[in-house]
Amino acid sequence: MNNNELATALTKMLTLRWSPVAVKLVKPGEKVPEKVTQPSVPLRHCQAITLARRGNSLYMPPSRHACPDGAAIMGLVPMSPKLRSGELYLLFKKLPTIECAQKMIATRQEFEAGTYAATVLAPLEDATFEPDVVIFTMYPEQMMWLMCAASYSTGERHNFHTSGYNSTCADLTVQVMKTQQMNISFGCYGARAISDISDFEAYVSVPFQQLPTLVGALEKLSVKSIPEARRRIYMPPVIDKVACAEPVGGNSVDVRIDSNQCTGCGLCEAFCPEAVIRMVTMDGKQTASASAAEKCCACYTCAGQCPQKAIQLTVR
C-alpha cells in the first residue's frame, strides 16, 4: 500500500478527525523530499504536527524550529547549557528541584547534535517520502483500537515510555525511531500551550514500517469487534438508578428467548461465559434454550451477539 492508501484505510476504519502525520528526520546531505515548503515563521515541532495534520507539507531546517529544546532533542542543534542543566524546568515551575529535572532529562531519548539537518512533516496521504514515524492525534477509543491492532498477531501487552515533558519531540519522534516501538503521549506544557489539540485528545506514534501490518489487523477487527463495540451491543437496557437502599442478596436473571425469532445460529451458546444457554431441537428446529438460567451473570453477551435480537434479560 502507498501512503495515500494507508492514510485512507486508517481514516476510514478508525474514523479519524485528523490526518495521520508523516514525520521524517533528514540527515546532513540527504535530498530534501519533493512538495514540501519552509514555513514563513519558525514553529515548534508540536505546532508543525498541528499544521501537517491540517494539510500542510513542511520542510524545517534548524532556522525554522522555534523550540531549542525540541530541535536539540531531535539532533538538529547542540543543547544549550541552561536546557541541559534542567534550570529552565525550575524557572517554569514544571519540577521542584534540579535533581528531578536532571533525572527527567537523563531518562528521555535524544539524538546527538548534528545527526540530522532538518525535519519534514506532511499529511500521510500527501507525503512524497518514506516517514520514520507516523503520528496520530486521536481520541482514547481510537487509540485503543490501534493498540489492539498492534497486539493482534502476538497477544502482547504494551509498555509505553512517556511523560508530560518533551512529548512530540522526545516521546513521539526520537523514542519511536530508536526503539521501533509504538508510543503514546498526552502532550506536554508546550504542546498543550501552543497547539490546538483538544482536552479529549492524545497522541500515538507508530514506526512507519509497522503501518501496513496495523492496517491489516484493523481490517480484521473491523469485521466484528470495532462495529460491535461502537454500537454498544452489551449495554443493558437501563443502567441508571442502580443503587439500592437496602443490602440485597444475589440477583436472579430472567432469560427470555423468542423461539420464533431464533434462527439456531448458536452464537449465544458459543459466547456465553457461564454455559447458561445451549442449543436444543424443538419441533425439528434448532433453537436456543436457557437451560441453566440460575447461573446467568447478566453480562448481556448473548443479547449483544444475537443477530435476531431474540434474547432479552431481566434482572430481578
Protein backbone atom coordinates (compact mmCIF):
# COMPACT_ATOMS: atom_id res chain seq x y z
CA MET A 1 0.00 0.00 0.00
CA ASN A 2 1.23 3.50 -0.76
CA ASN A 3 1.00 6.41 1.68
CA ASN A 4 -2.34 7.60 0.35
CA GLU A 5 -3.87 4.13 0.57
CA LEU A 6 -2.60 3.67 4.12
CA ALA A 7 -4.00 7.04 5.19
CA THR A 8 -7.35 6.37 3.55
CA ALA A 9 -7.71 2.97 5.21
CA LEU A 10 -6.71 4.25 8.65
CA THR A 11 -9.00 7.26 8.45
CA LYS A 12 -11.98 5.13 7.43
CA MET A 13 -11.54 2.30 9.93
CA LEU A 14 -10.64 4.49 12.90
CA THR A 15 -12.94 7.39 11.87
CA LEU A 16 -10.06 9.81 12.35
CA ARG A 17 -10.75 13.51 12.65
CA TRP A 18 -7.19 14.48 11.69
CA SER A 19 -4.83 13.16 9.05
CA PRO A 20 -2.04 10.94 10.35
CA VAL A 21 1.19 12.94 10.15
CA ALA A 22 4.23 11.53 8.37
CA VAL A 23 7.48 12.64 10.06
CA LYS A 24 10.97 12.21 8.66
CA LEU A 25 14.28 13.42 10.08
CA VAL A 26 16.58 14.39 7.20
CA LYS A 27 20.28 13.57 7.52
CA PRO A 28 23.01 16.02 6.51
CA GLY A 29 23.48 15.89 2.75
CA GLU A 30 20.27 13.94 2.20
CA LYS A 31 17.99 15.15 -0.58
CA VAL A 32 15.00 17.18 0.56
CA PRO A 33 11.71 15.45 -0.35
CA GLU A 34 9.54 16.96 -3.05
CA LYS A 35 6.49 19.15 -2.49
CA VAL A 36 7.46 20.45 0.94
CA THR A 37 7.91 24.12 1.83
CA GLN A 38 9.56 26.02 4.64
CA PRO A 39 7.09 27.76 6.95
CA SER A 40 7.18 31.55 6.83
CA VAL A 41 7.83 31.74 10.57
CA PRO A 42 9.68 29.45 12.99
CA LEU A 43 7.49 26.75 14.55
CA ARG A 44 7.77 24.29 17.38
CA HIS A 45 7.72 20.62 16.39
CA CYS A 46 4.30 20.25 18.02
CA GLN A 47 3.00 23.23 16.04
CA ALA A 48 4.34 21.70 12.84
CA ILE A 49 2.43 18.50 13.61
CA THR A 50 -0.72 20.58 14.02
CA LEU A 51 -0.21 22.23 10.63
CA ALA A 52 0.63 18.93 8.95
CA ARG A 53 -2.49 17.20 10.20
CA ARG A 54 -4.42 20.14 8.74
CA GLY A 55 -2.95 19.55 5.27
CA ASN A 56 0.43 21.32 5.16
CA SER A 57 3.69 19.71 3.99
CA LEU A 58 6.65 21.31 5.75
CA TYR A 59 10.44 21.34 5.50
CA MET A 60 12.04 22.61 8.71
CA PRO A 61 15.79 23.18 8.97
CA PRO A 62 17.10 24.40 12.36
CA SER A 63 16.32 28.03 11.49
CA ARG A 64 12.62 27.16 11.25
CA HIS A 65 12.49 25.48 14.68
CA ALA A 66 11.18 27.80 17.39
CA CYS A 67 11.79 25.40 20.28
CA PRO A 68 15.52 25.00 21.01
CA ASP A 69 14.81 22.10 23.36
CA GLY A 70 12.93 20.11 20.72
CA ALA A 71 15.46 20.90 17.99
CA ALA A 72 18.30 19.71 20.23
CA ILE A 73 16.46 16.55 21.31
CA MET A 74 15.98 15.61 17.64
CA GLY A 75 19.68 16.11 16.92
CA LEU A 76 19.42 19.27 14.81
CA VAL A 77 21.40 21.61 17.09
CA PRO A 78 23.50 21.39 20.27
CA MET A 79 21.64 21.55 23.58
CA SER A 80 22.19 24.86 25.38
CA PRO A 81 23.76 24.67 28.87
CA LYS A 82 20.65 26.11 30.51
CA LEU A 83 18.47 23.44 28.91
CA ARG A 84 20.95 20.64 29.55
CA SER A 85 21.24 21.52 33.24
CA GLY A 86 17.48 21.48 33.78
CA GLU A 87 17.47 25.04 35.10
CA LEU A 88 14.67 26.17 32.82
CA TYR A 89 12.34 23.46 34.11
CA LEU A 90 12.62 25.01 37.55
CA LEU A 91 12.05 28.53 36.23
CA PHE A 92 8.87 27.35 34.51
CA LYS A 93 7.80 25.68 37.79
CA LYS A 94 7.49 22.36 35.99
CA LEU A 95 9.64 20.47 38.50
CA PRO A 96 10.59 21.21 42.12
CA THR A 97 14.35 20.50 42.16
CA ILE A 98 17.31 20.42 39.82
CA GLU A 99 17.71 16.73 40.67
CA CYS A 100 14.22 15.97 39.36
CA ALA A 101 14.90 17.96 36.20
CA GLN A 102 18.20 16.20 35.56
CA LYS A 103 16.63 12.78 36.09
CA MET A 104 13.89 13.58 33.58
CA ILE A 105 16.47 14.76 31.05
CA ALA A 106 18.70 11.73 31.60
CA THR A 107 15.88 9.24 31.01
CA ARG A 108 14.45 10.70 27.80
CA GLN A 109 15.63 9.67 24.34
CA GLU A 110 17.73 12.12 22.29
CA PHE A 111 19.83 12.17 19.14
CA GLU A 112 23.35 13.55 19.20
CA ALA A 113 23.70 17.08 17.81
CA GLY A 114 24.37 17.05 14.08
CA THR A 115 22.78 13.65 13.49
CA TYR A 116 20.03 15.32 11.48
CA ALA A 117 19.78 18.51 9.45
CA ALA A 118 16.02 19.07 9.23
CA THR A 119 12.58 17.67 9.92
CA VAL A 120 9.96 17.03 7.26
CA LEU A 121 6.27 16.67 8.04
CA ALA A 122 3.20 16.09 5.87
CA PRO A 123 -0.26 14.57 5.99
CA LEU A 124 0.38 10.88 5.37
CA GLU A 125 -1.84 10.90 2.29
CA ASP A 126 0.30 13.64 0.70
CA ALA A 127 3.74 12.51 1.87
CA THR A 128 6.20 12.18 -1.03
CA PHE A 129 8.73 10.47 1.25
CA GLU A 130 9.03 7.41 3.44
CA PRO A 131 8.43 8.59 7.01
CA ASP A 132 10.38 7.49 10.04
CA VAL A 133 7.26 7.65 12.19
CA VAL A 134 3.58 8.42 11.76
CA ILE A 135 1.93 10.48 14.49
CA PHE A 136 -1.80 10.31 15.19
CA THR A 137 -3.88 12.82 17.12
CA MET A 138 -6.69 10.66 18.47
CA TYR A 139 -9.46 10.09 20.96
CA PRO A 140 -8.93 7.34 23.57
CA GLU A 141 -11.29 4.93 21.82
CA GLN A 142 -9.33 5.24 18.58
CA MET A 143 -6.08 4.77 20.48
CA MET A 144 -7.47 1.57 21.97
CA TRP A 145 -8.11 0.05 18.54
CA LEU A 146 -4.62 0.96 17.39
CA MET A 147 -3.30 -0.84 20.48
CA CYS A 148 -5.48 -3.85 19.67
CA ALA A 149 -4.18 -3.89 16.11
CA ALA A 150 -0.58 -3.84 17.36
CA SER A 151 -1.32 -6.85 19.59
CA TYR A 152 -3.48 -8.70 17.09
CA SER A 153 -0.90 -11.22 15.87
CA THR A 154 1.05 -11.63 19.11
CA GLY A 155 -1.27 -11.07 22.06
CA GLU A 156 1.45 -8.99 23.71
CA ARG A 157 0.68 -6.13 26.06
CA HIS A 158 2.21 -2.68 25.61
CA ASN A 159 4.74 -0.80 27.70
CA PHE A 160 4.95 2.92 26.97
CA HIS A 161 7.74 5.35 27.84
CA THR A 162 6.32 8.82 28.23
CA SER A 163 6.00 11.86 30.48
CA GLY A 164 4.44 15.30 30.50
CA TYR A 165 7.64 16.79 29.07
CA ASN A 166 9.03 16.94 25.51
CA SER A 167 6.07 15.00 24.17
CA THR A 168 6.21 15.30 20.40
CA CYS A 169 9.98 15.61 20.00
CA ALA A 170 11.27 13.07 22.54
CA ASP A 171 8.35 10.71 23.18
CA LEU A 172 6.73 10.60 19.75
CA THR A 173 9.66 11.07 17.39
CA VAL A 174 13.03 10.11 18.89
CA GLN A 175 11.72 7.41 21.23
CA VAL A 176 9.83 5.65 18.45
CA MET A 177 12.67 5.95 15.95
CA LYS A 178 15.19 4.48 18.37
CA THR A 179 13.08 1.66 19.79
CA GLN A 180 10.92 0.91 16.75
CA GLN A 181 8.04 0.52 19.19
CA MET A 182 4.71 2.32 19.26
CA ASN A 183 4.49 5.01 21.93
CA ILE A 184 1.84 7.33 23.32
CA SER A 185 1.88 10.85 24.71
CA PHE A 186 -0.70 13.01 26.41
CA GLY A 187 1.11 16.14 25.30
CA CYS A 188 3.33 18.43 27.33
CA TYR A 189 3.47 22.03 28.52
CA GLY A 190 4.47 23.27 25.08
CA ALA A 191 2.20 21.02 23.03
CA ARG A 192 -0.84 21.94 25.12
CA ALA A 193 0.04 25.64 25.29
CA ILE A 194 0.66 26.35 21.61
CA SER A 195 -1.27 23.79 19.54
CA ASP A 196 -4.97 23.14 19.04
CA ILE A 197 -5.02 19.62 20.49
CA SER A 198 -8.23 19.31 22.47
CA ASP A 199 -8.56 18.30 26.10
CA PHE A 200 -10.04 14.99 24.92
CA GLU A 201 -7.25 14.05 22.50
CA ALA A 202 -3.81 12.49 22.87
CA TYR A 203 -1.05 11.27 20.57
CA VAL A 204 0.10 7.89 19.28
CA SER A 205 3.28 7.45 17.26
CA VAL A 206 3.98 4.37 15.16
CA PRO A 207 7.12 3.30 13.26
CA PHE A 208 6.21 3.66 9.61
CA GLN A 209 7.33 0.14 8.73
CA GLN A 210 4.68 -1.29 11.06
CA LEU A 211 1.81 0.61 9.47
CA PRO A 212 0.85 -1.98 6.80
CA THR A 213 0.64 -4.69 9.48
CA LEU A 214 -1.54 -2.46 11.65
CA VAL A 215 -3.85 -1.73 8.73
CA GLY A 216 -4.19 -5.45 8.05
CA ALA A 217 -5.10 -6.12 11.68
CA LEU A 218 -7.57 -3.23 11.74
CA GLU A 219 -9.28 -4.67 8.67
CA LYS A 220 -9.87 -7.89 10.59
CA LEU A 221 -11.02 -6.05 13.71
CA SER A 222 -13.41 -4.00 11.57
CA VAL A 223 -15.35 -7.13 10.60
CA LYS A 224 -16.81 -7.62 14.07
CA SER A 225 -15.06 -6.12 17.09
CA ILE A 226 -14.95 -2.43 16.18
CA PRO A 227 -18.53 -2.07 14.90
CA GLU A 228 -19.96 -4.08 17.80
CA ALA A 229 -18.16 -2.03 20.43
CA ARG A 230 -19.20 1.21 18.76
CA ARG A 231 -22.82 0.05 18.74
CA ARG A 232 -22.56 -0.65 22.50
CA ILE A 233 -24.10 -4.06 21.97
CA TYR A 234 -23.68 -5.13 25.61
CA MET A 235 -25.26 -2.03 27.09
CA PRO A 236 -28.11 -3.09 29.42
CA PRO A 237 -31.49 -1.51 28.68
CA VAL A 238 -31.38 0.54 31.91
CA ILE A 239 -28.20 1.39 33.81
CA ASP A 240 -29.29 4.34 35.93
CA LYS A 241 -30.71 4.21 39.46
CA VAL A 242 -28.72 1.10 40.32
CA ALA A 243 -28.15 1.97 43.98
CA CYS A 244 -30.23 0.02 46.48
CA ALA A 245 -31.49 1.41 49.77
CA GLU A 246 -31.13 -1.96 51.49
CA PRO A 247 -28.46 -4.66 51.09
CA VAL A 248 -29.66 -7.44 48.85
CA GLY A 249 -28.56 -10.96 48.12
CA GLY A 250 -27.65 -12.42 44.76
CA ASN A 251 -29.63 -11.32 41.73
CA SER A 252 -31.73 -13.64 39.65
CA VAL A 253 -31.94 -13.16 35.91
CA ASP A 254 -34.89 -13.96 33.71
CA VAL A 255 -33.53 -15.09 30.33
CA ARG A 256 -36.20 -14.94 27.66
CA ILE A 257 -35.57 -16.32 24.18
CA ASP A 258 -38.10 -15.76 21.42
CA SER A 259 -38.13 -19.11 19.64
CA ASN A 260 -39.94 -17.58 16.69
CA GLN A 261 -37.10 -15.11 16.16
CA CYS A 262 -34.27 -17.55 16.93
CA THR A 263 -32.61 -18.98 13.81
CA GLY A 264 -30.46 -21.52 15.67
CA CYS A 265 -27.17 -19.89 14.69
CA GLY A 266 -25.59 -20.89 18.02
CA LEU A 267 -23.75 -17.63 18.69
CA CYS A 268 -25.36 -17.20 22.10
CA GLU A 269 -24.27 -20.67 23.19
CA ALA A 270 -20.74 -20.12 21.90
CA PHE A 271 -20.28 -16.74 23.57
CA CYS A 272 -21.98 -17.39 26.93
CA PRO A 273 -19.17 -17.46 29.55
CA GLU A 274 -21.29 -19.37 32.09
CA ALA A 275 -22.79 -22.03 29.77
CA VAL A 276 -26.28 -20.75 30.55
CA ILE A 277 -27.57 -21.29 27.01
CA ARG A 278 -27.46 -24.44 24.93
CA MET A 279 -28.93 -25.38 21.60
CA VAL A 280 -31.84 -27.82 21.62
CA THR A 281 -34.13 -29.29 18.99
CA MET A 282 -37.75 -28.18 19.18
CA ASP A 283 -40.29 -29.21 16.56
CA GLY A 284 -37.46 -30.32 14.32
CA LYS A 285 -35.69 -26.97 14.57
CA GLN A 286 -32.50 -25.95 16.38
CA THR A 287 -33.20 -23.20 18.88
CA ALA A 288 -31.55 -21.67 21.92
CA SER A 289 -32.68 -22.61 25.41
CA ALA A 290 -31.69 -21.04 28.74
CA SER A 291 -31.22 -24.37 30.42
CA ALA A 292 -29.14 -23.01 33.31
CA ALA A 293 -30.61 -19.54 33.85
CA GLU A 294 -29.68 -19.66 37.54
CA LYS A 295 -26.02 -19.27 36.52
CA CYS A 296 -26.61 -16.15 34.41
CA CYS A 297 -24.38 -13.23 35.44
CA ALA A 298 -26.23 -10.65 33.30
CA CYS A 299 -23.21 -9.80 31.16
CA TYR A 300 -25.54 -9.28 28.16
CA THR A 301 -23.11 -11.01 25.80
CA CYS A 302 -25.79 -13.33 24.45
CA ALA A 303 -28.20 -10.46 23.81
CA GLY A 304 -25.48 -8.42 22.16
CA GLN A 305 -24.32 -11.23 19.89
CA CYS A 306 -27.78 -12.37 18.80
CA PRO A 307 -28.26 -11.15 15.21
CA GLN A 308 -32.05 -11.53 15.51
CA LYS A 309 -32.39 -9.69 18.85
CA ALA A 310 -34.25 -12.74 20.11
CA ILE A 311 -32.83 -12.67 23.66
CA GLN A 312 -33.98 -10.43 26.48
CA LEU A 313 -32.57 -10.34 30.00
CA THR A 314 -34.41 -9.03 33.04
CA VAL A 315 -32.51 -8.73 36.32
CA ARG A 316 -34.62 -9.11 39.43
